[in-house]
Amino acid sequence: MKVKVYVSLKKGVLDPQGKAVLSTLHSLKYNEFKDVRVGKFFEIEIADNIKDKNLIEQKVKEISEKVLSNPIIESYTYEIVED
């Protein structure tokens, strides 16, 4: 089993890296793109002996809030994927 965690800046938080990517796209004549937001993606493999989805969800929420994101400026979503 795997968990995919997506972390992105909250709405209203400036994204200078996204603006730099957008500027590069425009300089390369990709003018159809209006905005770019840069985020993070984590793919986490769960140990084979762990089958309790409630436990996995609890642990994913904990690590997402404590390690993978900065809850003040970032939000996260996740999905559990069966092998």
PDB file of N, CA and C in Angstrom:
ATOM      1  N   MET A   1       0.851  -1.169   0.000  1.00  0.00           N
ATOM      2  CA  MET A   1       0.000   0.000   0.000  1.00  0.00           C
ATOM      3  C   MET A   1       0.900   1.237   0.000  1.00  0.00           C
ATOM      4  N   LYS A   2       0.423   2.264  -0.680  1.00  0.00           N
ATOM      5  CA  LYS A   2       1.171   3.524  -0.741  1.00  0.00           C
ATOM      6  C   LYS A   2       0.252   4.671  -0.379  1.00  0.00           C
ATOM      7  N   VAL A   3       0.868   5.747   0.074  1.00  0.00           N
ATOM      8  CA  VAL A   3       0.150   6.986   0.320  1.00  0.00           C
ATOM      9  C   VAL A   3       0.805   8.064  -0.533  1.00  0.00           C
ATOM     10  N   LYS A   4      -0.023   8.836  -1.225  1.00  0.00           N
ATOM     11  CA  LYS A   4       0.467   9.969  -1.997  1.00  0.00           C
ATOM     12  C   LYS A   4       0.008  11.232  -1.288  1.00  0.00           C
ATOM     13  N   VAL A   5       0.983  12.082  -0.927  1.00  0.00           N
ATOM     14  CA  VAL A   5       0.692  13.319  -0.212  1.00  0.00           C
ATOM     15  C   VAL A   5       1.075  14.490  -1.110  1.00  0.00           C
ATOM     16  N   TYR A   6       0.123  15.406  -1.290  1.00  0.00           N
ATOM     17  CA  TYR A   6       0.331  16.601  -2.103  1.00  0.00           C
ATOM     18  C   TYR A   6       0.295  17.817  -1.183  1.00  0.00           C
ATOM     19  N   VAL A   7       1.354  18.617  -1.213  1.00  0.00           N
ATOM     20  CA  VAL A   7       1.446  19.810  -0.377  1.00  0.00           C
ATOM     21  C   VAL A   7       1.509  21.022  -1.290  1.00  0.00           C
ATOM     22  N   SER A   8       0.687  22.031  -0.979  1.00  0.00           N
ATOM     23  CA  SER A   8       0.699  23.249  -1.786  1.00  0.00           C
ATOM     24  C   SER A   8       0.536  24.465  -0.884  1.00  0.00           C
ATOM     25  N   LEU A   9       0.970  25.595  -1.407  1.00  0.00           N
ATOM     26  CA  LEU A   9       0.805  26.830  -0.657  1.00  0.00           C
ATOM     27  C   LEU A   9      -0.672  27.184  -0.557  1.00  0.00           C
ATOM     28  N   LYS A  10      -1.061  27.717   0.577  1.00  0.00           N
ATOM     29  CA  LYS A  10      -2.449  28.144   0.748  1.00  0.00           C
ATOM     30  C   LYS A  10      -2.736  29.320  -0.183  1.00  0.00           C
ATOM     31  N   LYS A  11      -4.008  29.454  -0.530  1.00  0.00           N
ATOM     32  CA  LYS A  11      -4.431  30.556  -1.388  1.00  0.00           C
ATOM     33  C   LYS A  11      -4.064  31.878  -0.712  1.00  0.00           C
ATOM     34  N   GLY A  12      -3.523  32.797  -1.471  1.00  0.00           N
ATOM     35  CA  GLY A  12      -3.137  34.095  -0.928  1.00  0.00           C
ATOM     36  C   GLY A  12      -1.678  34.177  -0.501  1.00  0.00           C
ATOM     37  N   VAL A  13      -1.010  33.035  -0.385  1.00  0.00           N
ATOM     38  CA  VAL A  13       0.413  33.039  -0.037  1.00  0.00           C
ATOM     39  C   VAL A  13       1.214  33.220  -1.320  1.00  0.00           C
ATOM     40  N   LEU A  14       2.115  34.179  -1.324  1.00  0.00           N
ATOM     41  CA  LEU A  14       2.935  34.439  -2.508  1.00  0.00           C
ATOM     42  C   LEU A  14       3.809  33.230  -2.838  1.00  0.00           C
ATOM     43  N   ASP A  15       3.984  32.978  -4.118  1.00  0.00           N
ATOM     44  CA  ASP A  15       4.770  31.843  -4.588  1.00  0.00           C
ATOM     45  C   ASP A  15       5.842  32.336  -5.560  1.00  0.00           C
ATOM     46  N   PRO A  16       6.965  32.821  -5.041  1.00  0.00           N
ATOM     47  CA  PRO A  16       8.002  33.351  -5.926  1.00  0.00           C
ATOM     48  C   PRO A  16       8.569  32.303  -6.880  1.00  0.00           C
ATOM     49  N   GLN A  17       8.643  31.061  -6.451  1.00  0.00           N
ATOM     50  CA  GLN A  17       9.149  30.015  -7.339  1.00  0.00           C
ATOM     51  C   GLN A  17       8.175  29.786  -8.498  1.00  0.00           C
ATOM     52  N   GLY A  18       6.903  29.798  -8.193  1.00  0.00           N
ATOM     53  CA  GLY A  18       5.896  29.668  -9.243  1.00  0.00           C
ATOM     54  C   GLY A  18       5.960  30.823 -10.226  1.00  0.00           C
ATOM     55  N   LYS A  19       6.154  32.042  -9.709  1.00  0.00           N
ATOM     56  CA  LYS A  19       6.270  33.222 -10.586  1.00  0.00           C
ATOM     57  C   LYS A  19       7.496  33.116 -11.483  1.00  0.00           C
ATOM     58  N   ALA A  20       8.609  32.581 -10.953  1.00  0.00           N
ATOM     59  CA  ALA A  20       9.819  32.410 -11.761  1.00  0.00           C
ATOM     60  C   ALA A  20       9.584  31.394 -12.877  1.00  0.00           C
ATOM     61  N   VAL A  21       8.884  30.307 -12.571  1.00  0.00           N
ATOM     62  CA  VAL A  21       8.573  29.311 -13.598  1.00  0.00           C
ATOM     63  C   VAL A  21       7.670  29.932 -14.662  1.00  0.00           C
ATOM     64  N   LEU A  22       6.659  30.678 -14.234  1.00  0.00           N
ATOM     65  CA  LEU A  22       5.746  31.325 -15.182  1.00  0.00           C
ATOM     66  C   LEU A  22       6.500  32.302 -16.080  1.00  0.00           C
ATOM     67  N   SER A  23       7.398  33.072 -15.498  1.00  0.00           N
ATOM     68  CA  SER A  23       8.194  34.018 -16.277  1.00  0.00           C
ATOM     69  C   SER A  23       9.033  33.283 -17.324  1.00  0.00           C
ATOM     70  N   THR A  24       9.617  32.166 -16.949  1.00  0.00           N
ATOM     71  CA  THR A  24      10.408  31.377 -17.892  1.00  0.00           C
ATOM     72  C   THR A  24       9.529  30.836 -19.010  1.00  0.00           C
ATOM     73  N   LEU A  25       8.354  30.333 -18.649  1.00  0.00           N
ATOM     74  CA  LEU A  25       7.432  29.836 -19.673  1.00  0.00           C
ATOM     75  C   LEU A  25       7.076  30.937 -20.662  1.00  0.00           C
ATOM     76  N   HIS A  26       6.777  32.123 -20.139  1.00  0.00           N
ATOM     77  CA  HIS A  26       6.423  33.244 -21.020  1.00  0.00           C
ATOM     78  C   HIS A  26       7.606  33.655 -21.899  1.00  0.00           C
ATOM     79  N   SER A  27       8.806  33.629 -21.338  1.00  0.00           N
ATOM     80  CA  SER A  27       9.979  34.002 -22.147  1.00  0.00           C
ATOM     81  C   SER A  27      10.235  32.992 -23.260  1.00  0.00           C
ATOM     82  N   LEU A  28       9.748  31.766 -23.080  1.00  0.00           N
ATOM     83  CA  LEU A  28       9.866  30.737 -24.113  1.00  0.00           C
ATOM     84  C   LEU A  28       8.637  30.710 -25.033  1.00  0.00           C
ATOM     85  N   LYS A  29       7.811  31.757 -24.922  1.00  0.00           N
ATOM     86  CA  LYS A  29       6.619  31.948 -25.762  1.00  0.00           C
ATOM     87  C   LYS A  29       5.467  30.997 -25.441  1.00  0.00           C
ATOM     88  N   TYR A  30       5.442  30.448 -24.217  1.00  0.00           N
ATOM     89  CA  TYR A  30       4.289  29.675 -23.748  1.00  0.00           C
ATOM     90  C   TYR A  30       3.357  30.626 -23.021  1.00  0.00           C
ATOM     91  N   ASN A  31       2.729  31.506 -23.780  1.00  0.00           N
ATOM     92  CA  ASN A  31       1.926  32.580 -23.203  1.00  0.00           C
ATOM     93  C   ASN A  31       0.511  32.159 -22.824  1.00  0.00           C
ATOM     94  N   GLU A  32       0.128  30.926 -23.147  1.00  0.00           N
ATOM     95  CA  GLU A  32      -1.216  30.473 -22.808  1.00  0.00           C
ATOM     96  C   GLU A  32      -1.366  30.136 -21.323  1.00  0.00           C
ATOM     97  N   PHE A  33      -0.258  30.110 -20.588  1.00  0.00           N
ATOM     98  CA  PHE A  33      -0.312  29.781 -19.165  1.00  0.00           C
ATOM     99  C   PHE A  33      -0.455  31.057 -18.340  1.00  0.00           C
ATOM    100  N   LYS A  34      -1.459  31.083 -17.489  1.00  0.00           N
ATOM    101  CA  LYS A  34      -1.793  32.282 -16.719  1.00  0.00           C
ATOM    102  C   LYS A  34      -1.094  32.335 -15.364  1.00  0.00           C
ATOM    103  N   ASP A  35      -0.944  31.186 -14.702  1.00  0.00           N
ATOM    104  CA  ASP A  35      -0.345  31.168 -13.367  1.00  0.00           C
ATOM    105  C   ASP A  35       0.277  29.804 -13.118  1.00  0.00           C
ATOM    106  N   VAL A  36       1.291  29.767 -12.284  1.00  0.00           N
ATOM    107  CA  VAL A  36       1.939  28.523 -11.880  1.00  0.00           C
ATOM    108  C   VAL A  36       2.118  28.564 -10.364  1.00  0.00           C
ATOM    109  N   ARG A  37       1.748  27.494  -9.713  1.00  0.00           N
ATOM    110  CA  ARG A  37       1.975  27.332  -8.276  1.00  0.00           C
ATOM    111  C   ARG A  37       2.838  26.091  -8.105  1.00  0.00           C
ATOM    112  N   VAL A  38       3.900  26.211  -7.353  1.00  0.00           N
ATOM    113  CA  VAL A  38       4.815  25.100  -7.134  1.00  0.00           C
ATOM    114  C   VAL A  38       4.468  24.449  -5.806  1.00  0.00           C
ATOM    115  N   GLY A  39       4.457  23.130  -5.782  1.00  0.00           N
ATOM    116  CA  GLY A  39       4.156  22.396  -4.565  1.00  0.00           C
ATOM    117  C   GLY A  39       5.125  21.246  -4.380  1.00  0.00           C
ATOM    118  N   LYS A  40       4.754  20.353  -3.474  1.00  0.00           N
ATOM    119  CA  LYS A  40       5.585  19.185  -3.182  1.00  0.00           C
ATOM    120  C   LYS A  40       4.719  17.940  -3.293  1.00  0.00           C
ATOM    121  N   PHE A  41       5.350  16.834  -3.667  1.00  0.00           N
ATOM    122  CA  PHE A  41       4.671  15.551  -3.777  1.00  0.00           C
ATOM    123  C   PHE A  41       5.511  14.508  -3.060  1.00  0.00           C
ATOM    124  N   PHE A  42       4.855  13.715  -2.225  1.00  0.00           N
ATOM    125  CA  PHE A  42       5.526  12.637  -1.506  1.00  0.00           C
ATOM    126  C   PHE A  42       4.797  11.332  -1.788  1.00  0.00           C
ATOM    127  N   GLU A  43       5.549  10.295  -2.102  1.00  0.00           N
ATOM    128  CA  GLU A  43       4.982   8.964  -2.251  1.00  0.00           C
ATOM    129  C   GLU A  43       5.595   8.101  -1.164  1.00  0.00           C
ATOM    130  N   ILE A  44       4.751   7.610  -0.280  1.00  0.00           N
ATOM    131  CA  ILE A  44       5.212   6.894   0.906  1.00  0.00           C
ATOM    132  C   ILE A  44       4.703   5.467   0.855  1.00  0.00           C
ATOM    133  N   GLU A  45       5.608   4.514   0.946  1.00  0.00           N
ATOM    134  CA  GLU A  45       5.217   3.112   0.938  1.00  0.00           C
ATOM    135  C   GLU A  45       4.981   2.650   2.375  1.00  0.00           C
ATOM    136  N   ILE A  46       3.877   1.961   2.586  1.00  0.00           N
ATOM    137  CA  ILE A  46       3.488   1.477   3.909  1.00  0.00           C
ATOM    138  C   ILE A  46       4.009   0.052   4.090  1.00  0.00           C
ATOM    139  N   ALA A  47       4.472  -0.253   5.291  1.00  0.00           N
ATOM    140  CA  ALA A  47       4.969  -1.601   5.594  1.00  0.00           C
ATOM    141  C   ALA A  47       3.874  -2.628   5.311  1.00  0.00           C
ATOM    142  N   ASP A  48       4.275  -3.771   4.772  1.00  0.00           N
ATOM    143  CA  ASP A  48       3.327  -4.808   4.365  1.00  0.00           C
ATOM    144  C   ASP A  48       2.434  -5.302   5.500  1.00  0.00           C
ATOM    145  N   ASN A  49       2.919  -5.278   6.738  1.00  0.00           N
ATOM    146  CA  ASN A  49       2.141  -5.823   7.856  1.00  0.00           C
ATOM    147  C   ASN A  49       1.104  -4.830   8.405  1.00  0.00           C
ATOM    148  N   ILE A  50       1.067  -3.606   7.895  1.00  0.00           N
ATOM    149  CA  ILE A  50       0.093  -2.604   8.355  1.00  0.00           C
ATOM    150  C   ILE A  50      -1.090  -2.612   7.391  1.00  0.00           C
ATOM    151  N   LYS A  51      -2.253  -2.975   7.898  1.00  0.00           N
ATOM    152  CA  LYS A  51      -3.452  -3.072   7.057  1.00  0.00           C
ATOM    153  C   LYS A  51      -4.571  -2.129   7.509  1.00  0.00           C
ATOM    154  N   ASP A  52      -4.448  -1.555   8.698  1.00  0.00           N
ATOM    155  CA  ASP A  52      -5.498  -0.718   9.288  1.00  0.00           C
ATOM    156  C   ASP A  52      -5.484   0.675   8.644  1.00  0.00           C
ATOM    157  N   LYS A  53      -6.472   0.943   7.779  1.00  0.00           N
ATOM    158  CA  LYS A  53      -6.505   2.225   7.068  1.00  0.00           C
ATOM    159  C   LYS A  53      -6.705   3.406   8.012  1.00  0.00           C
ATOM    160  N   ASN A  54      -7.447   3.208   9.082  1.00  0.00           N
ATOM    161  CA  ASN A  54      -7.635   4.296  10.054  1.00  0.00           C
ATOM    162  C   ASN A  54      -6.307   4.688  10.694  1.00  0.00           C
ATOM    163  N   LEU A  55      -5.491   3.692  11.028  1.00  0.00           N
ATOM    164  CA  LEU A  55      -4.172   3.958  11.606  1.00  0.00           C
ATOM    165  C   LEU A  55      -3.287   4.674  10.589  1.00  0.00           C
ATOM    166  N   ILE A  56      -3.327   4.214   9.350  1.00  0.00           N
ATOM    167  CA  ILE A  56      -2.522   4.852   8.300  1.00  0.00           C
ATOM    168  C   ILE A  56      -2.944   6.308   8.125  1.00  0.00           C
ATOM    169  N   GLU A  57      -4.253   6.563   8.057  1.00  0.00           N
ATOM    170  CA  GLU A  57      -4.735   7.935   7.909  1.00  0.00           C
ATOM    171  C   GLU A  57      -4.289   8.811   9.068  1.00  0.00           C
ATOM    172  N   GLN A  58      -4.385   8.298  10.274  1.00  0.00           N
ATOM    173  CA  GLN A  58      -3.958   9.057  11.462  1.00  0.00           C
ATOM    174  C   GLN A  58      -2.479   9.415  11.370  1.00  0.00           C
ATOM    175  N   LYS A  59      -1.654   8.436  11.019  1.00  0.00           N
ATOM    176  CA  LYS A  59      -0.206   8.671  10.936  1.00  0.00           C
ATOM    177  C   LYS A  59       0.137   9.622   9.786  1.00  0.00           C
ATOM    178  N   VAL A  60      -0.555   9.497   8.649  1.00  0.00           N
ATOM    179  CA  VAL A  60      -0.299  10.383   7.507  1.00  0.00           C
ATOM    180  C   VAL A  60      -0.643  11.820   7.873  1.00  0.00           C
ATOM    181  N   LYS A  61      -1.765  12.019   8.563  1.00  0.00           N
ATOM    182  CA  LYS A  61      -2.129  13.367   9.002  1.00  0.00           C
ATOM    183  C   LYS A  61      -1.067  13.930   9.944  1.00  0.00           C
ATOM    184  N   GLU A  62      -0.586  13.102  10.869  1.00  0.00           N
ATOM    185  CA  GLU A  62       0.448  13.557  11.816  1.00  0.00           C
ATOM    186  C   GLU A  62       1.712  13.988  11.084  1.00  0.00           C
ATOM    187  N   ILE A  63       2.217  13.133  10.191  1.00  0.00           N
ATOM    188  CA  ILE A  63       3.478  13.489   9.534  1.00  0.00           C
ATOM    189  C   ILE A  63       3.293  14.639   8.551  1.00  0.00           C
ATOM    190  N   SER A  64       2.107  14.731   7.960  1.00  0.00           N
ATOM    191  CA  SER A  64       1.855  15.836   7.023  1.00  0.00           C
ATOM    192  C   SER A  64       1.869  17.170   7.750  1.00  0.00           C
ATOM    193  N   GLU A  65       1.319  17.202   8.956  1.00  0.00           N
ATOM    194  CA  GLU A  65       1.265  18.447   9.724  1.00  0.00           C
ATOM    195  C   GLU A  65       2.577  18.755  10.449  1.00  0.00           C
ATOM    196  N   LYS A  66       3.324  17.723  10.832  1.00  0.00           N
ATOM    197  CA  LYS A  66       4.545  17.933  11.609  1.00  0.00           C
ATOM    198  C   LYS A  66       5.815  17.986  10.770  1.00  0.00           C
ATOM    199  N   VAL A  67       5.830  17.262   9.646  1.00  0.00           N
ATOM    200  CA  VAL A  67       7.083  17.111   8.892  1.00  0.00           C
ATOM    201  C   VAL A  67       6.971  17.572   7.436  1.00  0.00           C
ATOM    202  N   LEU A  68       5.939  17.133   6.750  1.00  0.00           N
ATOM    203  CA  LEU A  68       5.872  17.349   5.302  1.00  0.00           C
ATOM    204  C   LEU A  68       5.409  18.736   4.895  1.00  0.00           C
ATOM    205  N   SER A  69       4.684  19.429   5.773  1.00  0.00           N
ATOM    206  CA  SER A  69       4.176  20.755   5.408  1.00  0.00           C
ATOM    207  C   SER A  69       4.372  21.742   6.548  1.00  0.00           C
ATOM    208  N   ASN A  70       4.232  22.997   6.215  1.00  0.00           N
ATOM    209  CA  ASN A  70       4.186  24.068   7.206  1.00  0.00           C
ATOM    210  C   ASN A  70       2.724  24.505   7.262  1.00  0.00           C
ATOM    211  N   PRO A  71       1.967  24.053   8.273  1.00  0.00           N
ATOM    212  CA  PRO A  71       0.526  24.297   8.298  1.00  0.00           C
ATOM    213  C   PRO A  71       0.122  25.773   8.309  1.00  0.00           C
ATOM    214  N   ILE A  72       1.035  26.656   8.598  1.00  0.00           N
ATOM    215  CA  ILE A  72       0.714  28.084   8.596  1.00  0.00           C
ATOM    216  C   ILE A  72       0.517  28.592   7.172  1.00  0.00           C
ATOM    217  N   ILE A  73       1.350  28.114   6.236  1.00  0.00           N
ATOM    218  CA  ILE A  73       1.277  28.625   4.862  1.00  0.00           C
ATOM    219  C   ILE A  73       0.946  27.558   3.823  1.00  0.00           C
ATOM    220  N   GLU A  74       0.917  26.289   4.232  1.00  0.00           N
ATOM    221  CA  GLU A  74       0.683  25.216   3.272  1.00  0.00           C
ATOM    222  C   GLU A  74      -0.508  24.353   3.690  1.00  0.00           C
ATOM    223  N   SER A  75      -1.150  23.782   2.699  1.00  0.00           N
ATOM    224  CA  SER A  75      -2.195  22.796   2.952  1.00  0.00           C
ATOM    225  C   SER A  75      -1.761  21.493   2.276  1.00  0.00           C
ATOM    226  N   TYR A  76      -2.431  20.411   2.630  1.00  0.00           N
ATOM    227  CA  TYR A  76      -2.078  19.128   2.051  1.00  0.00           C
ATOM    228  C   TYR A  76      -3.328  18.293   1.812  1.00  0.00           C
ATOM    229  N   THR A  77      -3.204  17.399   0.870  1.00  0.00           N
ATOM    230  CA  THR A  77      -4.196  16.357   0.639  1.00  0.00           C
ATOM    231  C   THR A  77      -3.435  15.056   0.483  1.00  0.00           C
ATOM    232  N   TYR A  78      -4.128  13.963   0.640  1.00  0.00           N
ATOM    233  CA  TYR A  78      -3.472  12.672   0.479  1.00  0.00           C
ATOM    234  C   TYR A  78      -4.466  11.660  -0.064  1.00  0.00           C
ATOM    235  N   GLU A  79      -3.914  10.607  -0.626  1.00  0.00           N
ATOM    236  CA  GLU A  79      -4.735   9.486  -1.059  1.00  0.00           C
ATOM    237  C   GLU A  79      -3.992   8.200  -0.746  1.00  0.00           C
ATOM    238  N   ILE A  80      -4.742   7.205  -0.318  1.00  0.00           N
ATOM    239  CA  ILE A  80      -4.186   5.875  -0.037  1.00  0.00           C
ATOM    240  C   ILE A  80      -4.430   5.033  -1.272  1.00  0.00           C
ATOM    241  N   VAL A  81      -3.366   4.412  -1.778  1.00  0.00           N
ATOM    242  CA  VAL A  81      -3.436   3.642  -3.008  1.00  0.00           C
ATOM    243  C   VAL A  81      -3.091   2.195  -2.710  1.00  0.00           C
ATOM    244  N   GLU A  82      -4.001   1.304  -3.046  1.00  0.00           N
ATOM    245  CA  GLU A  82      -3.753  -0.130  -2.881  1.00  0.00           C
ATOM    246  C   GLU A  82      -2.806  -0.603  -3.974  1.00  0.00           C
ATOM    247  N   ASP A  83      -1.941  -1.514  -3.629  1.00  0.00           N
ATOM    248  CA  ASP A  83      -1.027  -2.091  -4.642  1.00  0.00           C
ATOM    249  C   ASP A  83      -1.767  -3.031  -5.553  1.00  0.00           C
TER     250      ASP A  83
END
